PDB file of all heavy atoms in Angstrom:
ATOM      1  N   TYR A   1     -42.792  82.232  93.815  1.00  0.00           N
ATOM      2  CA  TYR A   1     -43.646  81.309  93.075  1.00  0.00           C
ATOM      3  C   TYR A   1     -42.835  80.685  91.937  1.00  0.00           C
ATOM      4  O   TYR A   1     -41.840  81.231  91.474  1.00  0.00           O
ATOM      5  CB  TYR A   1     -44.904  82.004  92.571  1.00  0.00           C
ATOM      6  CG  TYR A   1     -44.708  83.062  91.519  1.00  0.00           C
ATOM      7  CD1 TYR A   1     -44.765  82.738  90.167  1.00  0.00           C
ATOM      8  CD2 TYR A   1     -44.482  84.393  91.864  1.00  0.00           C
ATOM      9  CE1 TYR A   1     -44.590  83.700  89.185  1.00  0.00           C
ATOM     10  CE2 TYR A   1     -44.309  85.371  90.899  1.00  0.00           C
ATOM     11  CZ  TYR A   1     -44.363  85.014  89.569  1.00  0.00           C
ATOM     12  OH  TYR A   1     -44.176  85.977  88.600  1.00  0.00           O
ATOM     13  N   TYR A   2     -43.248  79.503  91.505  1.00  0.00           N
ATOM     14  CA  TYR A   2     -42.349  78.624  90.768  1.00  0.00           C
ATOM     15  C   TYR A   2     -41.818  79.218  89.465  1.00  0.00           C
ATOM     16  O   TYR A   2     -40.610  79.132  89.197  1.00  0.00           O
ATOM     17  CB  TYR A   2     -43.038  77.286  90.483  1.00  0.00           C
ATOM     18  CG  TYR A   2     -42.091  76.291  89.835  1.00  0.00           C
ATOM     19  CD1 TYR A   2     -41.063  75.706  90.573  1.00  0.00           C
ATOM     20  CD2 TYR A   2     -42.215  75.956  88.491  1.00  0.00           C
ATOM     21  CE1 TYR A   2     -40.176  74.813  89.991  1.00  0.00           C
ATOM     22  CE2 TYR A   2     -41.331  75.061  87.900  1.00  0.00           C
ATOM     23  CZ  TYR A   2     -40.319  74.493  88.659  1.00  0.00           C
ATOM     24  OH  TYR A   2     -39.438  73.616  88.071  1.00  0.00           O
ATOM     25  N   ASP A   3     -42.667  79.787  88.635  1.00  0.00           N
ATOM     26  CA  ASP A   3     -42.183  80.317  87.356  1.00  0.00           C
ATOM     27  C   ASP A   3     -41.077  81.340  87.566  1.00  0.00           C
ATOM     28  O   ASP A   3     -40.070  81.354  86.852  1.00  0.00           O
ATOM     29  CB  ASP A   3     -43.337  80.945  86.575  1.00  0.00           C
ATOM     30  CG  ASP A   3     -44.170  79.913  85.851  1.00  0.00           C
ATOM     31  OD1 ASP A   3     -43.756  78.731  85.820  1.00  0.00           O
ATOM     32  OD2 ASP A   3     -45.250  80.268  85.333  1.00  0.00           O
ATOM     33  N   PHE A   4     -41.273  82.198  88.545  1.00  0.00           N
ATOM     34  CA  PHE A   4     -40.273  83.225  88.848  1.00  0.00           C
ATOM     35  C   PHE A   4     -39.021  82.578  89.432  1.00  0.00           C
ATOM     36  O   PHE A   4     -37.887  82.884  89.027  1.00  0.00           O
ATOM     37  CB  PHE A   4     -40.859  84.241  89.825  1.00  0.00           C
ATOM     38  CG  PHE A   4     -39.971  85.425  90.090  1.00  0.00           C
ATOM     39  CD1 PHE A   4     -40.063  86.569  89.316  1.00  0.00           C
ATOM     40  CD2 PHE A   4     -39.042  85.405  91.126  1.00  0.00           C
ATOM     41  CE1 PHE A   4     -39.247  87.665  89.560  1.00  0.00           C
ATOM     42  CE2 PHE A   4     -38.214  86.490  91.376  1.00  0.00           C
ATOM     43  CZ  PHE A   4     -38.316  87.623  90.598  1.00  0.00           C
ATOM     44  N   ALA A   5     -39.207  81.669  90.396  1.00  0.00           N
ATOM     45  CA  ALA A   5     -38.073  81.050  91.081  1.00  0.00           C
ATOM     46  C   ALA A   5     -37.196  80.270  90.112  1.00  0.00           C
ATOM     47  O   ALA A   5     -35.958  80.366  90.159  1.00  0.00           O
ATOM     48  CB  ALA A   5     -38.571  80.137  92.199  1.00  0.00           C
ATOM     49  N   TYR A   6     -37.816  79.492  89.233  1.00  0.00           N
ATOM     50  CA  TYR A   6     -37.034  78.648  88.331  1.00  0.00           C
ATOM     51  C   TYR A   6     -36.399  79.457  87.201  1.00  0.00           C
ATOM     52  O   TYR A   6     -35.185  79.358  86.951  1.00  0.00           O
ATOM     53  CB  TYR A   6     -37.912  77.547  87.740  1.00  0.00           C
ATOM     54  CG  TYR A   6     -37.170  76.697  86.722  1.00  0.00           C
ATOM     55  CD1 TYR A   6     -36.150  75.843  87.124  1.00  0.00           C
ATOM     56  CD2 TYR A   6     -37.476  76.780  85.370  1.00  0.00           C
ATOM     57  CE1 TYR A   6     -35.448  75.078  86.194  1.00  0.00           C
ATOM     58  CE2 TYR A   6     -36.785  76.022  84.430  1.00  0.00           C
ATOM     59  CZ  TYR A   6     -35.779  75.180  84.852  1.00  0.00           C
ATOM     60  OH  TYR A   6     -35.082  74.438  83.929  1.00  0.00           O
ATOM     61  N   LYS A   7     -37.170  80.273  86.523  1.00  0.00           N
ATOM     62  CA  LYS A   7     -36.676  80.965  85.341  1.00  0.00           C
ATOM     63  C   LYS A   7     -35.735  82.121  85.674  1.00  0.00           C
ATOM     64  O   LYS A   7     -34.793  82.391  84.931  1.00  0.00           O
ATOM     65  CB  LYS A   7     -37.841  81.482  84.504  1.00  0.00           C
ATOM     66  CG  LYS A   7     -38.698  80.370  83.911  1.00  0.00           C
ATOM     67  CD  LYS A   7     -39.878  80.941  83.143  1.00  0.00           C
ATOM     68  CE  LYS A   7     -40.759  79.833  82.567  1.00  0.00           C
ATOM     69  NZ  LYS A   7     -41.954  80.386  81.871  1.00  0.00           N
ATOM     70  N   LEU A   8     -35.973  82.804  86.788  1.00  0.00           N
ATOM     71  CA  LEU A   8     -35.188  83.997  87.102  1.00  0.00           C
ATOM     72  C   LEU A   8     -34.181  83.788  88.229  1.00  0.00           C
ATOM     73  O   LEU A   8     -33.237  84.567  88.355  1.00  0.00           O
ATOM     74  CB  LEU A   8     -36.129  85.155  87.469  1.00  0.00           C
ATOM     75  CG  LEU A   8     -37.131  85.567  86.390  1.00  0.00           C
ATOM     76  CD1 LEU A   8     -37.926  86.781  86.840  1.00  0.00           C
ATOM     77  CD2 LEU A   8     -36.428  85.862  85.071  1.00  0.00           C
ATOM     78  N   GLN A   9     -34.378  82.748  89.049  1.00  0.00           N
ATOM     79  CA  GLN A   9     -33.476  82.530  90.175  1.00  0.00           C
ATOM     80  C   GLN A   9     -32.863  81.123  90.186  1.00  0.00           C
ATOM     81  O   GLN A   9     -32.106  80.790  91.086  1.00  0.00           O
ATOM     82  CB  GLN A   9     -34.219  82.783  91.494  1.00  0.00           C
ATOM     83  CG  GLN A   9     -34.701  84.230  91.620  1.00  0.00           C
ATOM     84  CD  GLN A   9     -35.513  84.445  92.881  1.00  0.00           C
ATOM     85  OE1 GLN A   9     -36.493  83.745  93.137  1.00  0.00           O
ATOM     86  NE2 GLN A   9     -35.101  85.391  93.690  1.00  0.00           N
ATOM     87  N   LEU A  10     -33.222  80.314  89.189  1.00  0.00           N
ATOM     88  CA  LEU A  10     -32.662  78.975  89.012  1.00  0.00           C
ATOM     89  C   LEU A  10     -32.958  78.052  90.191  1.00  0.00           C
ATOM     90  O   LEU A  10     -32.237  77.073  90.429  1.00  0.00           O
ATOM     91  CB  LEU A  10     -31.148  79.050  88.775  1.00  0.00           C
ATOM     92  CG  LEU A  10     -30.702  80.031  87.677  1.00  0.00           C
ATOM     93  CD1 LEU A  10     -29.200  80.000  87.519  1.00  0.00           C
ATOM     94  CD2 LEU A  10     -31.390  79.728  86.353  1.00  0.00           C
ATOM     95  N   GLN A  11     -34.018  78.343  90.928  1.00  0.00           N
ATOM     96  CA  GLN A  11     -34.460  77.496  92.043  1.00  0.00           C
ATOM     97  C   GLN A  11     -35.564  76.559  91.555  1.00  0.00           C
ATOM     98  O   GLN A  11     -36.714  76.970  91.406  1.00  0.00           O
ATOM     99  CB  GLN A  11     -35.001  78.345  93.196  1.00  0.00           C
ATOM    100  CG  GLN A  11     -33.948  78.993  94.051  1.00  0.00           C
ATOM    101  CD  GLN A  11     -34.561  79.661  95.268  1.00  0.00           C
ATOM    102  OE1 GLN A  11     -35.573  80.357  95.178  1.00  0.00           O
ATOM    103  NE2 GLN A  11     -33.962  79.470  96.431  1.00  0.00           N
ATOM    104  N   ASP A  12     -35.215  75.328  91.327  1.00  0.00           N
ATOM    105  CA  ASP A  12     -36.206  74.337  90.902  1.00  0.00           C
ATOM    106  C   ASP A  12     -36.828  73.706  92.155  1.00  0.00           C
ATOM    107  O   ASP A  12     -36.652  72.528  92.442  1.00  0.00           O
ATOM    108  CB  ASP A  12     -35.538  73.265  90.033  1.00  0.00           C
ATOM    109  CG  ASP A  12     -36.552  72.340  89.368  1.00  0.00           C
ATOM    110  OD1 ASP A  12     -37.761  72.483  89.625  1.00  0.00           O
ATOM    111  OD2 ASP A  12     -36.120  71.449  88.611  1.00  0.00           O
ATOM    112  N   TRP A  13     -37.574  74.535  92.903  1.00  0.00           N
ATOM    113  CA  TRP A  13     -38.065  74.047  94.194  1.00  0.00           C
ATOM    114  C   TRP A  13     -39.110  72.950  94.045  1.00  0.00           C
ATOM    115  O   TRP A  13     -39.320  72.163  94.984  1.00  0.00           O
ATOM    116  CB  TRP A  13     -38.584  75.182  95.064  1.00  0.00           C
ATOM    117  CG  TRP A  13     -39.752  76.006  94.578  1.00  0.00           C
ATOM    118  CD1 TRP A  13     -39.704  77.283  94.124  1.00  0.00           C
ATOM    119  CD2 TRP A  13     -41.144  75.647  94.591  1.00  0.00           C
ATOM    120  NE1 TRP A  13     -40.961  77.746  93.824  1.00  0.00           N
ATOM    121  CE2 TRP A  13     -41.879  76.754  94.110  1.00  0.00           C
ATOM    122  CE3 TRP A  13     -41.852  74.502  94.944  1.00  0.00           C
ATOM    123  CZ2 TRP A  13     -43.258  76.750  93.981  1.00  0.00           C
ATOM    124  CZ3 TRP A  13     -43.239  74.495  94.821  1.00  0.00           C
ATOM    125  CH2 TRP A  13     -43.921  75.597  94.341  1.00  0.00           C
ATOM    126  N   ARG A  14     -39.735  72.844  92.902  1.00  0.00           N
ATOM    127  CA  ARG A  14     -40.659  71.726  92.699  1.00  0.00           C
ATOM    128  C   ARG A  14     -39.895  70.401  92.791  1.00  0.00           C
ATOM    129  O   ARG A  14     -40.354  69.441  93.426  1.00  0.00           O
ATOM    130  CB  ARG A  14     -41.345  71.858  91.338  1.00  0.00           C
ATOM    131  CG  ARG A  14     -42.467  70.858  91.115  1.00  0.00           C
ATOM    132  CD  ARG A  14     -43.206  71.143  89.821  1.00  0.00           C
ATOM    133  NE  ARG A  14     -44.466  70.415  89.753  1.00  0.00           N
ATOM    134  CZ  ARG A  14     -45.353  70.557  88.771  1.00  0.00           C
ATOM    135  NH1 ARG A  14     -45.117  71.412  87.781  1.00  0.00           N
ATOM    136  NH2 ARG A  14     -46.483  69.859  88.785  1.00  0.00           N
ATOM    137  N   ARG A  15     -38.720  70.375  92.201  1.00  0.00           N
ATOM    138  CA  ARG A  15     -37.892  69.171  92.292  1.00  0.00           C
ATOM    139  C   ARG A  15     -37.359  68.987  93.711  1.00  0.00           C
ATOM    140  O   ARG A  15     -37.188  67.861  94.180  1.00  0.00           O
ATOM    141  CB  ARG A  15     -36.742  69.258  91.290  1.00  0.00           C
ATOM    142  CG  ARG A  15     -35.976  67.951  91.149  1.00  0.00           C
ATOM    143  CD  ARG A  15     -34.950  68.044  90.054  1.00  0.00           C
ATOM    144  NE  ARG A  15     -34.128  66.840  89.994  1.00  0.00           N
ATOM    145  CZ  ARG A  15     -32.976  66.751  89.355  1.00  0.00           C
ATOM    146  NH1 ARG A  15     -32.507  67.804  88.691  1.00  0.00           N
ATOM    147  NH2 ARG A  15     -32.286  65.640  89.356  1.00  0.00           N
ATOM    148  N   TRP A  16     -37.079  70.099  94.394  1.00  0.00           N
ATOM    149  CA  TRP A  16     -36.614  69.989  95.776  1.00  0.00           C
ATOM    150  C   TRP A  16     -37.667  69.293  96.638  1.00  0.00           C
ATOM    151  O   TRP A  16     -37.334  68.503  97.519  1.00  0.00           O
ATOM    152  CB  TRP A  16     -36.310  71.366  96.351  1.00  0.00           C
ATOM    153  CG  TRP A  16     -35.195  72.104  95.654  1.00  0.00           C
ATOM    154  CD1 TRP A  16     -34.499  71.702  94.536  1.00  0.00           C
ATOM    155  CD2 TRP A  16     -34.667  73.374  96.012  1.00  0.00           C
ATOM    156  NE1 TRP A  16     -33.573  72.652  94.186  1.00  0.00           N
ATOM    157  CE2 TRP A  16     -33.648  73.697  95.060  1.00  0.00           C
ATOM    158  CE3 TRP A  16     -34.947  74.289  97.021  1.00  0.00           C
ATOM    159  CZ2 TRP A  16     -32.923  74.882  95.130  1.00  0.00           C
ATOM    160  CZ3 TRP A  16     -34.231  75.475  97.090  1.00  0.00           C
ATOM    161  CH2 TRP A  16     -33.225  75.760  96.157  1.00  0.00           C
ATOM    162  N   VAL A  17     -38.919  69.593  96.368  1.00  0.00           N
ATOM    163  CA  VAL A  17     -40.004  68.946  97.114  1.00  0.00           C
ATOM    164  C   VAL A  17     -40.112  67.480  96.704  1.00  0.00           C
ATOM    165  O   VAL A  17     -40.231  66.582  97.544  1.00  0.00           O
ATOM    166  CB  VAL A  17     -41.333  69.689  96.881  1.00  0.00           C
ATOM    167  CG1 VAL A  17     -42.505  68.900  97.460  1.00  0.00           C
ATOM    168  CG2 VAL A  17     -41.278  71.086  97.502  1.00  0.00           C
ATOM    169  N   GLN A  18     -40.072  67.224  95.410  1.00  0.00           N
ATOM    170  CA  GLN A  18     -40.240  65.857  94.904  1.00  0.00           C
ATOM    171  C   GLN A  18     -39.139  64.921  95.368  1.00  0.00           C
ATOM    172  O   GLN A  18     -39.379  63.730  95.591  1.00  0.00           O
ATOM    173  CB  GLN A  18     -40.285  65.874  93.373  1.00  0.00           C
ATOM    174  CG  GLN A  18     -41.515  66.546  92.794  1.00  0.00           C
ATOM    175  CD  GLN A  18     -41.408  66.753  91.287  1.00  0.00           C
ATOM    176  OE1 GLN A  18     -40.317  66.688  90.714  1.00  0.00           O
ATOM    177  NE2 GLN A  18     -42.535  67.024  90.634  1.00  0.00           N
ATOM    178  N   THR A  19     -37.925  65.434  95.522  1.00  0.00           N
ATOM    179  CA  THR A  19     -36.782  64.580  95.865  1.00  0.00           C
ATOM    180  C   THR A  19     -36.453  64.585  97.355  1.00  0.00           C
ATOM    181  O   THR A  19     -35.451  64.000  97.765  1.00  0.00           O
ATOM    182  CB  THR A  19     -35.535  65.004  95.072  1.00  0.00           C
ATOM    183  OG1 THR A  19     -35.229  66.386  95.363  1.00  0.00           O
ATOM    184  CG2 THR A  19     -35.755  64.839  93.577  1.00  0.00           C
ATOM    185  N   GLY A  20     -37.265  65.249  98.151  1.00  0.00           N
ATOM    186  CA  GLY A  20     -37.077  65.203  99.594  1.00  0.00           C
ATOM    187  C   GLY A  20     -36.059  66.176 100.149  1.00  0.00           C
ATOM    188  O   GLY A  20     -35.664  66.057 101.309  1.00  0.00           O
ATOM    189  N   VAL A  21     -35.618  67.137  99.348  1.00  0.00           N
ATOM    190  CA  VAL A  21     -34.715  68.160  99.877  1.00  0.00           C
ATOM    191  C   VAL A  21     -35.418  68.963 100.969  1.00  0.00           C
ATOM    192  O   VAL A  21     -34.849  69.267 102.014  1.00  0.00           O
ATOM    193  CB  VAL A  21     -34.231  69.101  98.756  1.00  0.00           C
ATOM    194  CG1 VAL A  21     -33.534  70.324  99.329  1.00  0.00           C
ATOM    195  CG2 VAL A  21     -33.304  68.364  97.803  1.00  0.00           C
ATOM    196  N   ALA A  22     -36.686  69.312 100.722  1.00  0.00           N
ATOM    197  CA  ALA A  22     -37.441  70.180 101.622  1.00  0.00           C
ATOM    198  C   ALA A  22     -38.456  69.388 102.435  1.00  0.00           C
ATOM    199  O   ALA A  22     -39.099  68.472 101.926  1.00  0.00           O
ATOM    200  CB  ALA A  22     -38.154  71.272 100.825  1.00  0.00           C
ATOM    201  N   ASP A  23     -38.586  69.783 103.698  1.00  0.00           N
ATOM    202  CA  ASP A  23     -39.580  69.193 104.589  1.00  0.00           C
ATOM    203  C   ASP A  23     -40.787  70.094 104.772  1.00  0.00           C
ATOM    204  O   ASP A  23     -41.842  69.644 105.221  1.00  0.00           O
ATOM    205  CB  ASP A  23     -38.971  68.920 105.967  1.00  0.00           C
ATOM    206  CG  ASP A  23     -37.800  67.958 105.896  1.00  0.00           C
ATOM    207  OD1 ASP A  23     -38.000  66.839 105.386  1.00  0.00           O
ATOM    208  OD2 ASP A  23     -36.697  68.327 106.334  1.00  0.00           O
ATOM    209  N   GLU A  24     -40.632  71.366 104.483  1.00  0.00           N
ATOM    210  CA  GLU A  24     -41.767  72.285 104.508  1.00  0.00           C
ATOM    211  C   GLU A  24     -41.495  73.410 103.523  1.00  0.00           C
ATOM    212  O   GLU A  24     -40.342  73.712 103.205  1.00  0.00           O
ATOM    213  CB  GLU A  24     -42.045  72.823 105.917  1.00  0.00           C
ATOM    214  CG  GLU A  24     -41.069  73.829 106.436  1.00  0.00           C
ATOM    215  CD  GLU A  24     -41.492  74.436 107.775  1.00  0.00           C
ATOM    216  OE1 GLU A  24     -42.162  73.758 108.584  1.00  0.00           O
ATOM    217  OE2 GLU A  24     -41.126  75.605 108.025  1.00  0.00           O
ATOM    218  N   LEU A  25     -42.564  74.022 103.063  1.00  0.00           N
ATOM    219  CA  LEU A  25     -42.488  75.000 101.983  1.00  0.00           C
ATOM    220  C   LEU A  25     -43.377  76.189 102.298  1.00  0.00           C
ATOM    221  O   LEU A  25     -44.554  76.018 102.645  1.00  0.00           O
ATOM    222  CB  LEU A  25     -42.936  74.345 100.670  1.00  0.00           C
ATOM    223  CG  LEU A  25     -43.170  75.248  99.456  1.00  0.00           C
ATOM    224  CD1 LEU A  25     -41.853  75.836  98.954  1.00  0.00           C
ATOM    225  CD2 LEU A  25     -43.850  74.451  98.333  1.00  0.00           C
ATOM    226  N   LEU A  26     -42.818  77.387 102.198  1.00  0.00           N
ATOM    227  CA  LEU A  26     -43.590  78.621 102.299  1.00  0.00           C
ATOM    228  C   LEU A  26     -43.314  79.426 101.035  1.00  0.00           C
ATOM    229  O   LEU A  26     -42.204  79.923 100.832  1.00  0.00           O
ATOM    230  CB  LEU A  26     -43.218  79.430 103.540  1.00  0.00           C
ATOM    231  CG  LEU A  26     -43.549  78.771 104.885  1.00  0.00           C
ATOM    232  CD1 LEU A  26     -42.349  77.990 105.404  1.00  0.00           C
ATOM    233  CD2 LEU A  26     -43.986  79.806 105.909  1.00  0.00           C
ATOM    234  N   ILE A  27     -44.309  79.552 100.173  1.00  0.00           N
ATOM    235  CA  ILE A  27     -44.137  80.202  98.874  1.00  0.00           C
ATOM    236  C   ILE A  27     -44.445  81.691  99.002  1.00  0.00           C
ATOM    237  O   ILE A  27     -45.524  82.074  99.446  1.00  0.00           O
ATOM    238  CB  ILE A  27     -45.064  79.572  97.820  1.00  0.00           C
ATOM    239  CG1 ILE A  27     -44.893  78.053  97.793  1.00  0.00           C
ATOM    240  CG2 ILE A  27     -44.799  80.170  96.443  1.00  0.00           C
ATOM    241  CD1 ILE A  27     -45.982  77.329  97.029  1.00  0.00           C
ATOM    242  N   GLN A  28     -43.502  82.522  98.605  1.00  0.00           N
ATOM    243  CA  GLN A  28     -43.688  83.963  98.699  1.00  0.00           C
ATOM    244  C   GLN A  28     -44.599  84.449  97.573  1.00  0.00           C
ATOM    245  O   GLN A  28     -44.239  84.393  96.401  1.00  0.00           O
ATOM    246  CB  GLN A  28     -42.340  84.668  98.612  1.00  0.00           C
ATOM    247  CG  GLN A  28     -41.379  84.288  99.710  1.00  0.00           C
ATOM    248  CD  GLN A  28     -39.995  84.858  99.480  1.00  0.00           C
ATOM    249  OE1 GLN A  28     -39.830  85.828  98.747  1.00  0.00           O
ATOM    250  NE2 GLN A  28     -39.003  84.250 100.104  1.00  0.00           N
TER     251      GLN A  28
END
């Protein structure tokens, strides 16, 4: 989930979705 992914794992997946990096998303 985003707070954990961004702050603790440096994965800004919200931006990955916004910029078209990802075509599908499964949030753990």
